[in-house]
């Protein structure tokens, strides 16, 4: 989706109002985004995904069949998915869709989900921190450029504001003699081991986990995460049971953000899978609202290649849940 505005360009207190008002407050009726794909053919798959599949001598279809097989055979995992969906009041197909898209186009799922527990333990005991050019992220976000983000009290709004402020004020620029590389906030600060770093069953990034932590704490009772304790973050995103909870929270948050802008996306698993893949739901929802309000602007959100597959295979995926 084309970004027409950004959190970092809107005063934080004003944006708090924007994000919490209902669509009716703006004179907009709630638009139900219908099931199915907006495009008749699948949007292009990024070359990085193709290179990854080639490097491991596999195909998208093989990767798809592998994750579907794991979901079909692992009854404990499916029970965790249904439990998390119930807690966050979403259809479990949204969690299934996120997992299928992730393991089809990104990292292939391991044969046994339980092996993620071993990895979770290893990361939780490692010695590392989130930093860039020898400055830890908690110190970095105290720079004056981030001051407006402090008006946000919720973890999702706070960290998404910081993410966008990095893009606007630092990314690819030279500030006070320091060269900031043209890379995402996630890549700059939250990849202490290697690039392309998402982890566990849900392939969740540390930054995304920080965004979701308030909702996860309020709904599931897990301890709040902090960038000062990266080991706890990796424990949560590597542990399969906790990872499923975070997936549910990420989907729930995206639904709520879009509803605040006048769109009910709860009946389109491909769209929630798309947002799970690309992140930054607030700036995307605001951009969509502005585009829809403009003359001749786009009226409905669209699925990317990842979400398109989910909608295309929906009957089979619903079958995994015993749904029709």
C-alpha atoms as a PDB file:
ATOM      1  CA  UNK A   1       0.000   0.000   0.000  1.00  0.00           C
ATOM      2  CA  UNK A   2       1.259   3.496  -0.804  1.00  0.00           C
ATOM      3  CA  UNK A   3       1.952   5.504   2.326  1.00  0.00           C
ATOM      4  CA  UNK A   4       0.227   8.880   2.155  1.00  0.00           C
ATOM      5  CA  UNK A   5       0.917   9.991   5.687  1.00  0.00           C
ATOM      6  CA  UNK A   6       2.862   8.866   8.707  1.00  0.00           C
ATOM      7  CA  UNK A   7       2.662   8.724  12.453  1.00  0.00           C
ATOM      8  CA  UNK A   8       5.791  10.821  12.728  1.00  0.00           C
ATOM      9  CA  UNK A   9       4.200  13.723  10.835  1.00  0.00           C
ATOM     10  CA  UNK A  10       1.141  13.906  13.079  1.00  0.00           C
ATOM     11  CA  UNK A  11       1.387  15.366  16.606  1.00  0.00           C
ATOM     12  CA  UNK A  12       1.224  12.426  18.982  1.00  0.00           C
ATOM     13  CA  UNK A  13      -1.699  13.693  21.034  1.00  0.00           C
ATOM     14  CA  UNK A  14      -3.694  14.392  17.879  1.00  0.00           C
ATOM     15  CA  UNK A  15      -2.932  10.944  16.567  1.00  0.00           C
ATOM     16  CA  UNK A  16      -4.119   9.377  19.787  1.00  0.00           C
ATOM     17  CA  UNK A  17      -7.483  10.931  19.066  1.00  0.00           C
ATOM     18  CA  UNK A  18      -7.387   9.807  15.433  1.00  0.00           C
ATOM     19  CA  UNK A  19      -6.636   6.233  16.370  1.00  0.00           C
ATOM     20  CA  UNK A  20      -9.262   5.930  19.070  1.00  0.00           C
ATOM     21  CA  UNK A  21     -12.225   7.652  17.487  1.00  0.00           C
ATOM     22  CA  UNK A  22     -14.675   5.379  15.738  1.00  0.00           C
ATOM     23  CA  UNK A  23     -15.326   5.618  12.042  1.00  0.00           C
ATOM     24  CA  UNK A  24     -18.766   7.027  12.801  1.00  0.00           C
ATOM     25  CA  UNK A  25     -17.075  10.035  14.393  1.00  0.00           C
ATOM     26  CA  UNK A  26     -15.693  10.915  10.980  1.00  0.00           C
ATOM     27  CA  UNK A  27     -19.038  10.403   9.259  1.00  0.00           C
ATOM     28  CA  UNK A  28     -17.881   7.106   7.770  1.00  0.00           C
ATOM     29  CA  UNK A  29     -19.951   3.978   7.870  1.00  0.00           C
ATOM     30  CA  UNK A  30     -18.024   0.862   8.792  1.00  0.00           C
ATOM     31  CA  UNK A  31     -17.010  -0.858   5.552  1.00  0.00           C
ATOM     32  CA  UNK A  32     -17.022  -4.640   5.638  1.00  0.00           C
ATOM     33  CA  UNK A  33     -14.101  -5.845   3.561  1.00  0.00           C
ATOM     34  CA  UNK A  34     -15.478  -8.923   1.782  1.00  0.00           C
ATOM     35  CA  UNK A  35     -13.744 -12.312   1.771  1.00  0.00           C
ATOM     36  CA  UNK A  36     -11.574 -13.234  -1.187  1.00  0.00           C
ATOM     37  CA  UNK A  37      -8.833 -11.564  -3.189  1.00  0.00           C
ATOM     38  CA  UNK A  38      -9.115  -8.179  -4.839  1.00  0.00           C
ATOM     39  CA  UNK A  39      -6.733  -9.327  -7.591  1.00  0.00           C
ATOM     40  CA  UNK A  40      -7.495 -12.226  -9.937  1.00  0.00           C
ATOM     41  CA  UNK A  41      -3.824 -13.209 -10.137  1.00  0.00           C
ATOM     42  CA  UNK A  42      -1.218 -13.383  -7.409  1.00  0.00           C
ATOM     43  CA  UNK A  43       0.862 -10.213  -6.933  1.00  0.00           C
ATOM     44  CA  UNK A  44       4.601 -10.672  -7.586  1.00  0.00           C
ATOM     45  CA  UNK A  45       6.602 -12.561  -4.984  1.00  0.00           C
ATOM     46  CA  UNK A  46       9.770 -10.687  -3.895  1.00  0.00           C
ATOM     47  CA  UNK A  47      13.014 -11.950  -5.355  1.00  0.00           C
ATOM     48  CA  UNK A  48      14.463 -12.452  -1.868  1.00  0.00           C
ATOM     49  CA  UNK A  49      11.840 -15.115  -1.206  1.00  0.00           C
ATOM     50  CA  UNK A  50      12.678 -16.909  -4.450  1.00  0.00           C
ATOM     51  CA  UNK A  51      16.390 -16.820  -3.666  1.00  0.00           C
ATOM     52  CA  UNK A  52      15.738 -18.264  -0.216  1.00  0.00           C
ATOM     53  CA  UNK A  53      13.750 -21.167  -1.656  1.00  0.00           C
ATOM     54  CA  UNK A  54      16.447 -21.816  -4.253  1.00  0.00           C
ATOM     55  CA  UNK A  55      19.206 -21.747  -1.634  1.00  0.00           C
ATOM     56  CA  UNK A  56      17.486 -24.544   0.269  1.00  0.00           C
ATOM     57  CA  UNK A  57      16.668 -26.477  -2.912  1.00  0.00           C
ATOM     58  CA  UNK A  58      12.938 -26.328  -2.374  1.00  0.00           C
ATOM     59  CA  UNK A  59       9.823 -24.792  -3.936  1.00  0.00           C
ATOM     60  CA  UNK A  60       6.943 -22.725  -2.632  1.00  0.00           C
ATOM     61  CA  UNK A  61       4.595 -25.656  -3.093  1.00  0.00           C
ATOM     62  CA  UNK A  62       6.866 -27.950  -1.072  1.00  0.00           C
ATOM     63  CA  UNK A  63       7.110 -25.345   1.674  1.00  0.00           C
ATOM     64  CA  UNK A  64       3.334 -24.870   1.646  1.00  0.00           C
ATOM     65  CA  UNK A  65       2.712 -28.597   1.886  1.00  0.00           C
ATOM     66  CA  UNK A  66       5.163 -28.866   4.782  1.00  0.00           C
ATOM     67  CA  UNK A  67       3.496 -26.237   6.958  1.00  0.00           C
ATOM     68  CA  UNK A  68       0.048 -27.595   6.116  1.00  0.00           C
ATOM     69  CA  UNK A  69       1.279 -31.062   7.089  1.00  0.00           C
ATOM     70  CA  UNK A  70       2.580 -29.815  10.435  1.00  0.00           C
ATOM     71  CA  UNK A  71      -0.708 -28.053  11.164  1.00  0.00           C
ATOM     72  CA  UNK A  72      -2.651 -31.169  10.229  1.00  0.00           C
ATOM     73  CA  UNK A  73      -0.589 -33.552  12.346  1.00  0.00           C
ATOM     74  CA  UNK A  74       0.313 -31.509  15.435  1.00  0.00           C
ATOM     75  CA  UNK A  75      -2.825 -31.608  17.557  1.00  0.00           C
ATOM     76  CA  UNK A  76      -1.202 -29.718  20.434  1.00  0.00           C
ATOM     77  CA  UNK A  77      -0.296 -26.854  18.126  1.00  0.00           C
ATOM     78  CA  UNK A  78      -3.798 -26.700  16.703  1.00  0.00           C
ATOM     79  CA  UNK A  79      -5.236 -26.667  20.226  1.00  0.00           C
ATOM     80  CA  UNK A  80      -2.947 -23.738  21.106  1.00  0.00           C
ATOM     81  CA  UNK A  81      -4.087 -21.889  17.987  1.00  0.00           C
ATOM     82  CA  UNK A  82      -7.752 -22.325  18.854  1.00  0.00           C
ATOM     83  CA  UNK A  83      -7.170 -21.310  22.475  1.00  0.00           C
ATOM     84  CA  UNK A  84      -5.307 -18.139  21.490  1.00  0.00           C
ATOM     85  CA  UNK A  85      -7.943 -17.244  18.906  1.00  0.00           C
ATOM     86  CA  UNK A  86     -10.657 -17.542  21.526  1.00  0.00           C
ATOM     87  CA  UNK A  87      -8.731 -15.348  23.972  1.00  0.00           C
ATOM     88  CA  UNK A  88      -8.266 -12.589  21.395  1.00  0.00           C
ATOM     89  CA  UNK A  89     -11.743 -13.021  19.907  1.00  0.00           C
ATOM     90  CA  UNK A  90     -10.624 -13.789  16.378  1.00  0.00           C
ATOM     91  CA  UNK A  91     -11.332 -16.655  14.002  1.00  0.00           C
ATOM     92  CA  UNK A  92      -8.422 -19.149  14.281  1.00  0.00           C
ATOM     93  CA  UNK A  93      -8.135 -19.125  10.480  1.00  0.00           C
ATOM     94  CA  UNK A  94      -6.292 -15.808  10.842  1.00  0.00           C
ATOM     95  CA  UNK A  95      -3.535 -17.499  12.865  1.00  0.00           C
ATOM     96  CA  UNK A  96      -3.390 -20.428  10.457  1.00  0.00           C
ATOM     97  CA  UNK A  97      -3.155 -18.018   7.530  1.00  0.00           C
ATOM     98  CA  UNK A  98      -0.289 -16.074   9.099  1.00  0.00           C
ATOM     99  CA  UNK A  99       1.641 -19.287   9.736  1.00  0.00           C
ATOM    100  CA  UNK A 100       1.033 -20.666   6.256  1.00  0.00           C
ATOM    101  CA  UNK A 101       2.121 -17.463   4.538  1.00  0.00           C
ATOM    102  CA  UNK A 102       5.202 -17.132   6.721  1.00  0.00           C
ATOM    103  CA  UNK A 103       6.477 -20.655   6.223  1.00  0.00           C
ATOM    104  CA  UNK A 104       5.621 -20.774   2.526  1.00  0.00           C
ATOM    105  CA  UNK A 105       7.463 -17.626   1.511  1.00  0.00           C
ATOM    106  CA  UNK A 106       9.975 -17.071   4.283  1.00  0.00           C
ATOM    107  CA  UNK A 107      11.561 -19.626   6.601  1.00  0.00           C
ATOM    108  CA  UNK A 108      10.544 -23.270   6.157  1.00  0.00           C
ATOM    109  CA  UNK A 109       8.998 -24.728   9.287  1.00  0.00           C
ATOM    110  CA  UNK A 110      11.029 -27.307  11.190  1.00  0.00           C
ATOM    111  CA  UNK A 111       9.786 -30.886  11.210  1.00  0.00           C
ATOM    112  CA  UNK A 112       8.979 -30.857  14.901  1.00  0.00           C
ATOM    113  CA  UNK A 113       7.509 -27.767  16.553  1.00  0.00           C
ATOM    114  CA  UNK A 114       8.914 -28.901  19.899  1.00  0.00           C
ATOM    115  CA  UNK A 115      12.444 -28.179  18.642  1.00  0.00           C
ATOM    116  CA  UNK A 116      11.635 -24.471  18.981  1.00  0.00           C
ATOM    117  CA  UNK A 117      11.595 -24.938  22.773  1.00  0.00           C
ATOM    118  CA  UNK A 118      15.268 -25.932  22.697  1.00  0.00           C
ATOM    119  CA  UNK A 119      16.147 -22.863  20.641  1.00  0.00           C
ATOM    120  CA  UNK A 120      14.136 -20.660  22.999  1.00  0.00           C
ATOM    121  CA  UNK A 121      16.208 -21.873  25.938  1.00  0.00           C
ATOM    122  CA  UNK A 122      19.467 -21.222  24.090  1.00  0.00           C
ATOM    123  CA  UNK A 123      18.559 -17.643  23.171  1.00  0.00           C
ATOM    124  CA  UNK A 124      17.230 -16.882  26.655  1.00  0.00           C
ATOM    125  CA  UNK A 125      20.660 -17.677  28.093  1.00  0.00           C
ATOM    126  CA  UNK A 126      22.751 -15.799  25.515  1.00  0.00           C
ATOM    127  CA  UNK A 127      24.502 -12.505  26.256  1.00  0.00           C
ATOM    128  CA  UNK A 128      23.458  -9.790  23.794  1.00  0.00           C
ATOM    129  CA  UNK A 129      21.728  -6.423  23.571  1.00  0.00           C
ATOM    130  CA  UNK A 130      19.807  -4.350  21.042  1.00  0.00           C
ATOM    131  CA  UNK A 131      22.147  -1.644  19.771  1.00  0.00           C
ATOM    132  CA  UNK A 132      23.391   0.224  16.699  1.00  0.00           C
ATOM    133  CA  UNK A 133      26.853   1.767  16.391  1.00  0.00           C
ATOM    134  CA  UNK A 134      27.499   0.953  20.062  1.00  0.00           C
ATOM    135  CA  UNK A 135      24.380   2.786  21.296  1.00  0.00           C
ATOM    136  CA  UNK A 136      21.623   0.687  22.818  1.00  0.00           C
ATOM    137  CA  UNK A 137      18.120   1.307  21.566  1.00  0.00           C
ATOM    138  CA  UNK A 138      16.764   2.578  24.885  1.00  0.00           C
ATOM    139  CA  UNK A 139      19.377   5.339  24.920  1.00  0.00           C
ATOM    140  CA  UNK A 140      18.888   6.095  21.233  1.00  0.00           C
ATOM    141  CA  UNK A 141      15.141   6.709  21.522  1.00  0.00           C
ATOM    142  CA  UNK A 142      15.846   9.398  24.134  1.00  0.00           C
ATOM    143  CA  UNK A 143      17.131  11.623  21.325  1.00  0.00           C
ATOM    144  CA  UNK A 144      14.967  14.736  20.832  1.00  0.00           C
ATOM    145  CA  UNK A 145      13.691  13.496  17.470  1.00  0.00           C
ATOM    146  CA  UNK A 146      11.709  10.825  19.330  1.00  0.00           C
ATOM    147  CA  UNK A 147      10.274  13.110  22.022  1.00  0.00           C
ATOM    148  CA  UNK A 148       6.831  13.336  20.410  1.00  0.00           C
ATOM    149  CA  UNK A 149       6.479   9.547  20.661  1.00  0.00           C
ATOM    150  CA  UNK A 150       6.544   9.737  24.457  1.00  0.00           C
ATOM    151  CA  UNK A 151       2.934  10.942  24.421  1.00  0.00           C
ATOM    152  CA  UNK A 152       1.916   7.404  23.523  1.00  0.00           C
ATOM    153  CA  UNK A 153       1.350   5.165  26.522  1.00  0.00           C
ATOM    154  CA  UNK A 154       0.574   1.961  24.607  1.00  0.00           C
ATOM    155  CA  UNK A 155       3.437  -0.221  23.412  1.00  0.00           C
ATOM    156  CA  UNK A 156       2.042  -0.617  19.885  1.00  0.00           C
ATOM    157  CA  UNK A 157       1.671   3.110  19.237  1.00  0.00           C
ATOM    158  CA  UNK A 158       4.940   3.953  20.998  1.00  0.00           C
ATOM    159  CA  UNK A 159       7.176   1.551  19.099  1.00  0.00           C
ATOM    160  CA  UNK A 160       5.465   2.111  15.768  1.00  0.00           C
ATOM    161  CA  UNK A 161       6.018   5.858  16.237  1.00  0.00           C
ATOM    162  CA  UNK A 162       9.687   5.227  16.981  1.00  0.00           C
ATOM    163  CA  UNK A 163       9.928   2.975  13.932  1.00  0.00           C
ATOM    164  CA  UNK A 164       8.574   5.725  11.691  1.00  0.00           C
ATOM    165  CA  UNK A 165      10.649   8.432  13.322  1.00  0.00           C
ATOM    166  CA  UNK A 166      13.756   6.434  12.482  1.00  0.00           C
ATOM    167  CA  UNK A 167      12.635   6.324   8.835  1.00  0.00           C
ATOM    168  CA  UNK A 168      11.913  10.052   8.741  1.00  0.00           C
ATOM    169  CA  UNK A 169      14.785  11.476  10.776  1.00  0.00           C
ATOM    170  CA  UNK A 170      17.709   9.041  10.622  1.00  0.00           C
ATOM    171  CA  UNK A 171      17.473   6.405   7.919  1.00  0.00           C
ATOM    172  CA  UNK A 172      20.018   7.037   5.156  1.00  0.00           C
ATOM    173  CA  UNK A 173      21.100  10.377   6.630  1.00  0.00           C
ATOM    174  CA  UNK A 174      24.176  11.923   8.223  1.00  0.00           C
ATOM    175  CA  UNK A 175      23.329  13.534  11.575  1.00  0.00           C
ATOM    176  CA  UNK A 176      25.992  15.326  13.643  1.00  0.00           C
ATOM    177  CA  UNK A 177      28.696  13.543  11.693  1.00  0.00           C
ATOM    178  CA  UNK A 178      27.167  10.098  12.204  1.00  0.00           C
ATOM    179  CA  UNK A 179      26.138   8.169   9.085  1.00  0.00           C
ATOM    180  CA  UNK A 180      22.957   6.189   9.524  1.00  0.00           C
ATOM    181  CA  UNK A 181      22.612   3.401   7.005  1.00  0.00           C
ATOM    182  CA  UNK A 182      19.584   3.090   4.743  1.00  0.00           C
ATOM    183  CA  UNK A 183      18.007   0.249   6.676  1.00  0.00           C
ATOM    184  CA  UNK A 184      14.892  -0.312   8.752  1.00  0.00           C
ATOM    185  CA  UNK A 185      14.706   0.386  12.477  1.00  0.00           C
ATOM    186  CA  UNK A 186      14.253  -3.352  13.007  1.00  0.00           C
ATOM    187  CA  UNK A 187      17.380  -4.202  11.047  1.00  0.00           C
ATOM    188  CA  UNK A 188      19.485  -1.464  12.628  1.00  0.00           C
ATOM    189  CA  UNK A 189      18.748  -2.220  16.279  1.00  0.00           C
ATOM    190  CA  UNK A 190      17.002  -5.547  16.623  1.00  0.00           C
ATOM    191  CA  UNK A 191      19.251  -7.998  14.786  1.00  0.00           C
ATOM    192  CA  UNK A 192      22.118  -8.755  17.174  1.00  0.00           C
ATOM    193  CA  UNK A 193      22.973 -12.069  15.486  1.00  0.00           C
ATOM    194  CA  UNK A 194      22.416 -11.874  11.725  1.00  0.00           C
ATOM    195  CA  UNK A 195      20.319 -10.181   9.044  1.00  0.00           C
ATOM    196  CA  UNK A 196      16.784 -11.150   8.081  1.00  0.00           C
ATOM    197  CA  UNK A 197      16.102 -11.911  11.687  1.00  0.00           C
ATOM    198  CA  UNK A 198      12.704 -13.207  12.670  1.00  0.00           C
ATOM    199  CA  UNK A 199      12.315 -16.158  14.954  1.00  0.00           C
ATOM    200  CA  UNK A 200      10.304 -19.125  16.064  1.00  0.00           C
ATOM    201  CA  UNK A 201       7.067 -20.611  14.885  1.00  0.00           C
ATOM    202  CA  UNK A 202       5.557 -17.213  14.096  1.00  0.00           C
ATOM    203  CA  UNK A 203       8.774 -15.731  12.666  1.00  0.00           C
ATOM    204  CA  UNK A 204       8.160 -12.680  14.854  1.00  0.00           C
ATOM    205  CA  UNK A 205      10.707  -9.880  15.035  1.00  0.00           C
ATOM    206  CA  UNK A 206      11.775  -8.463  18.421  1.00  0.00           C
ATOM    207  CA  UNK A 207      10.360  -5.061  17.429  1.00  0.00           C
ATOM    208  CA  UNK A 208       6.962  -6.557  16.624  1.00  0.00           C
ATOM    209  CA  UNK A 209       6.973  -8.386  19.958  1.00  0.00           C
ATOM    210  CA  UNK A 210       7.639  -5.098  21.761  1.00  0.00           C
ATOM    211  CA  UNK A 211       4.717  -3.518  19.918  1.00  0.00           C
ATOM    212  CA  UNK A 212       2.375  -6.348  20.943  1.00  0.00           C
ATOM    213  CA  UNK A 213       3.488  -6.697  24.557  1.00  0.00           C
ATOM    214  CA  UNK A 214       0.790  -4.525  26.181  1.00  0.00           C
ATOM    215  CA  UNK A 215      -2.046  -6.421  24.515  1.00  0.00           C
ATOM    216  CA  UNK A 216      -0.425  -9.770  25.306  1.00  0.00           C
ATOM    217  CA  UNK A 217       0.033  -8.757  28.940  1.00  0.00           C
ATOM    218  CA  UNK A 218      -3.539  -7.511  29.301  1.00  0.00           C
ATOM    219  CA  UNK A 219      -5.135 -10.495  27.564  1.00  0.00           C
ATOM    220  CA  UNK A 220      -2.884 -13.449  28.366  1.00  0.00           C
ATOM    221  CA  UNK A 221      -1.089 -12.293  31.507  1.00  0.00           C
ATOM    222  CA  UNK A 222       2.434 -12.702  30.136  1.00  0.00           C
ATOM    223  CA  UNK A 223       5.025 -10.341  31.583  1.00  0.00           C
ATOM    224  CA  UNK A 224       5.551  -7.107  29.689  1.00  0.00           C
ATOM    225  CA  UNK A 225       8.619  -7.101  27.469  1.00  0.00           C
ATOM    226  CA  UNK A 226      11.330  -4.449  27.508  1.00  0.00           C
ATOM    227  CA  UNK A 227      14.145  -3.682  25.090  1.00  0.00           C
ATOM    228  CA  UNK A 228      16.386  -3.750  28.177  1.00  0.00           C
ATOM    229  CA  UNK A 229      15.771  -7.503  28.470  1.00  0.00           C
ATOM    230  CA  UNK A 230      16.251  -8.969  24.972  1.00  0.00           C
ATOM    231  CA  UNK A 231      16.586 -12.478  26.373  1.00  0.00           C
ATOM    232  CA  UNK A 232      12.971 -12.389  27.572  1.00  0.00           C
ATOM    233  CA  UNK A 233      11.855 -11.214  24.139  1.00  0.00           C
ATOM    234  CA  UNK A 234      13.575 -14.131  22.430  1.00  0.00           C
ATOM    235  CA  UNK A 235      12.124 -16.543  24.971  1.00  0.00           C
ATOM    236  CA  UNK A 236       8.619 -15.405  24.104  1.00  0.00           C
ATOM    237  CA  UNK A 237       8.972 -15.369  20.320  1.00  0.00           C
ATOM    238  CA  UNK A 238      10.820 -18.702  20.233  1.00  0.00           C
ATOM    239  CA  UNK A 239       8.464 -20.592  22.571  1.00  0.00           C
ATOM    240  CA  UNK A 240       5.739 -22.094  20.310  1.00  0.00           C
ATOM    241  CA  UNK A 241       2.905 -21.653  22.811  1.00  0.00           C
ATOM    242  CA  UNK A 242       3.808 -18.017  23.460  1.00  0.00           C
ATOM    243  CA  UNK A 243       4.478 -17.364  19.786  1.00  0.00           C
ATOM    244  CA  UNK A 244       0.913 -18.353  18.901  1.00  0.00           C
ATOM    245  CA  UNK A 245      -0.344 -15.888  21.517  1.00  0.00           C
ATOM    246  CA  UNK A 246       1.683 -13.092  19.932  1.00  0.00           C
ATOM    247  CA  UNK A 247       0.355 -13.962  16.468  1.00  0.00           C
ATOM    248  CA  UNK A 248      -3.197 -13.671  17.788  1.00  0.00           C
ATOM    249  CA  UNK A 249      -2.395 -10.329  19.421  1.00  0.00           C
ATOM    250  CA  UNK A 250      -0.779  -8.948  16.252  1.00  0.00           C
ATOM    251  CA  UNK A 251      -3.842  -9.928  14.208  1.00  0.00           C
ATOM    252  CA  UNK A 252      -6.237  -8.505  16.808  1.00  0.00           C
ATOM    253  CA  UNK A 253      -4.343  -5.224  16.868  1.00  0.00           C
ATOM    254  CA  UNK A 254      -4.444  -4.917  13.070  1.00  0.00           C
ATOM    255  CA  UNK A 255      -8.188  -5.560  13.063  1.00  0.00           C
ATOM    256  CA  UNK A 256      -8.781  -2.909  15.724  1.00  0.00           C
ATOM    257  CA  UNK A 257      -6.622  -0.324  13.966  1.00  0.00           C
ATOM    258  CA  UNK A 258      -8.432  -0.803  10.656  1.00  0.00           C
ATOM    259  CA  UNK A 259     -11.814  -0.705  12.365  1.00  0.00           C
ATOM    260  CA  UNK A 260     -10.852   2.654  13.890  1.00  0.00           C
ATOM    261  CA  UNK A 261     -10.347   3.908  10.342  1.00  0.00           C
ATOM    262  CA  UNK A 262     -13.683   2.496   9.171  1.00  0.00           C
ATOM    263  CA  UNK A 263     -12.792  -0.969   7.867  1.00  0.00           C
ATOM    264  CA  UNK A 264     -13.860  -4.358   9.204  1.00  0.00           C
ATOM    265  CA  UNK A 265     -11.201  -6.802   7.954  1.00  0.00           C
ATOM    266  CA  UNK A 266     -12.198  -9.677  10.242  1.00  0.00           C
ATOM    267  CA  UNK A 267     -13.673 -11.759   7.400  1.00  0.00           C
ATOM    268  CA  UNK A 268     -10.596 -11.627   5.180  1.00  0.00           C
ATOM    269  CA  UNK A 269      -7.760 -13.874   6.435  1.00  0.00           C
ATOM    270  CA  UNK A 270      -5.649 -12.969   3.416  1.00  0.00           C
ATOM    271  CA  UNK A 271      -5.713  -9.331   4.421  1.00  0.00           C
ATOM    272  CA  UNK A 272      -4.770  -9.997   8.037  1.00  0.00           C
ATOM    273  CA  UNK A 273      -2.005 -12.295   6.763  1.00  0.00           C
ATOM    274  CA  UNK A 274      -0.771  -9.467   4.538  1.00  0.00           C
ATOM    275  CA  UNK A 275      -0.618  -7.100   7.503  1.00  0.00           C
ATOM    276  CA  UNK A 276       1.123  -9.762   9.579  1.00  0.00           C
ATOM    277  CA  UNK A 277       3.711  -9.946   6.803  1.00  0.00           C
ATOM    278  CA  UNK A 278       4.291  -6.226   6.187  1.00  0.00           C
ATOM    279  CA  UNK A 279       3.602  -4.778   9.659  1.00  0.00           C
ATOM    280  CA  UNK A 280       3.018  -1.096  10.445  1.00  0.00           C
ATOM    281  CA  UNK A 281      -0.800  -1.371  10.508  1.00  0.00           C
ATOM    282  CA  UNK A 282      -1.383   2.139  11.855  1.00  0.00           C
ATOM    283  CA  UNK A 283       0.331   4.045   9.110  1.00  0.00           C
ATOM    284  CA  UNK A 284      -1.218   1.749   6.494  1.00  0.00           C
ATOM    285  CA  UNK A 285      -4.734   2.158   7.870  1.00  0.00           C
ATOM    286  CA  UNK A 286      -4.370   5.942   7.985  1.00  0.00           C
ATOM    287  CA  UNK A 287      -3.005   5.978   4.422  1.00  0.00           C
ATOM    288  CA  UNK A 288      -5.932   3.860   3.233  1.00  0.00           C
ATOM    289  CA  UNK A 289      -8.439   6.144   4.951  1.00  0.00           C
ATOM    290  CA  UNK A 290      -6.919   9.202   3.300  1.00  0.00           C
ATOM    291  CA  UNK A 291      -6.801   7.491  -0.087  1.00  0.00           C
ATOM    292  CA  UNK A 292     -10.429   6.422   0.223  1.00  0.00           C
ATOM    293  CA  UNK A 293     -11.485   9.954   1.149  1.00  0.00           C
ATOM    294  CA  UNK A 294      -9.704  11.450  -1.853  1.00  0.00           C
ATOM    295  CA  UNK A 295     -11.564  11.757  -5.137  1.00  0.00           C
ATOM    296  CA  UNK A 296     -11.036   8.578  -7.129  1.00  0.00           C
ATOM    297  CA  UNK A 297      -8.955   7.062  -4.352  1.00  0.00           C
ATOM    298  CA  UNK A 298      -8.648   3.393  -3.482  1.00  0.00           C
ATOM    299  CA  UNK A 299     -11.660   2.202  -1.527  1.00  0.00           C
ATOM    300  CA  UNK A 300     -10.567  -1.179  -0.145  1.00  0.00           C
ATOM    301  CA  UNK A 301      -7.303  -2.653   1.142  1.00  0.00           C
ATOM    302  CA  UNK A 302      -5.641  -5.299  -1.028  1.00  0.00           C
ATOM    303  CA  UNK A 303      -3.780  -8.496  -0.268  1.00  0.00           C
ATOM    304  CA  UNK A 304      -0.130  -8.904  -1.195  1.00  0.00           C
ATOM    305  CA  UNK A 305       1.347 -12.134  -2.610  1.00  0.00           C
ATOM    306  CA  UNK A 306       1.464 -13.669   0.877  1.00  0.00           C
ATOM    307  CA  UNK A 307      -2.148 -12.931   1.767  1.00  0.00           C
ATOM    308  CA  UNK A 308      -3.330 -13.768  -1.746  1.00  0.00           C
ATOM    309  CA  UNK A 309      -2.142 -17.359  -1.270  1.00  0.00           C
ATOM    310  CA  UNK A 310      -4.031 -17.625   2.020  1.00  0.00           C
ATOM    311  CA  UNK A 311      -7.306 -16.550   0.436  1.00  0.00           C
ATOM    312  CA  UNK A 312      -6.681 -18.752  -2.592  1.00  0.00           C
ATOM    313  CA  UNK A 313      -6.189 -21.849  -0.412  1.00  0.00           C
ATOM    314  CA  UNK A 314      -8.828 -20.941   2.145  1.00  0.00           C
ATOM    315  CA  UNK A 315     -11.060 -24.047   1.760  1.00  0.00           C
ATOM    316  CA  UNK A 316      -8.103 -26.333   2.483  1.00  0.00           C
ATOM    317  CA  UNK A 317      -6.898 -24.189   5.380  1.00  0.00           C
ATOM    318  CA  UNK A 318     -10.351 -24.037   6.937  1.00  0.00           C
ATOM    319  CA  UNK A 319     -10.462 -27.804   6.643  1.00  0.00           C
ATOM    320  CA  UNK A 320      -7.492 -28.024   9.010  1.00  0.00           C
ATOM    321  CA  UNK A 321      -9.702 -26.388  11.629  1.00  0.00           C
ATOM    322  CA  UNK A 322     -12.730 -28.502  10.838  1.00  0.00           C
ATOM    323  CA  UNK A 323     -14.418 -25.475   9.274  1.00  0.00           C
ATOM    324  CA  UNK A 324     -16.363 -25.398   6.028  1.00  0.00           C
END
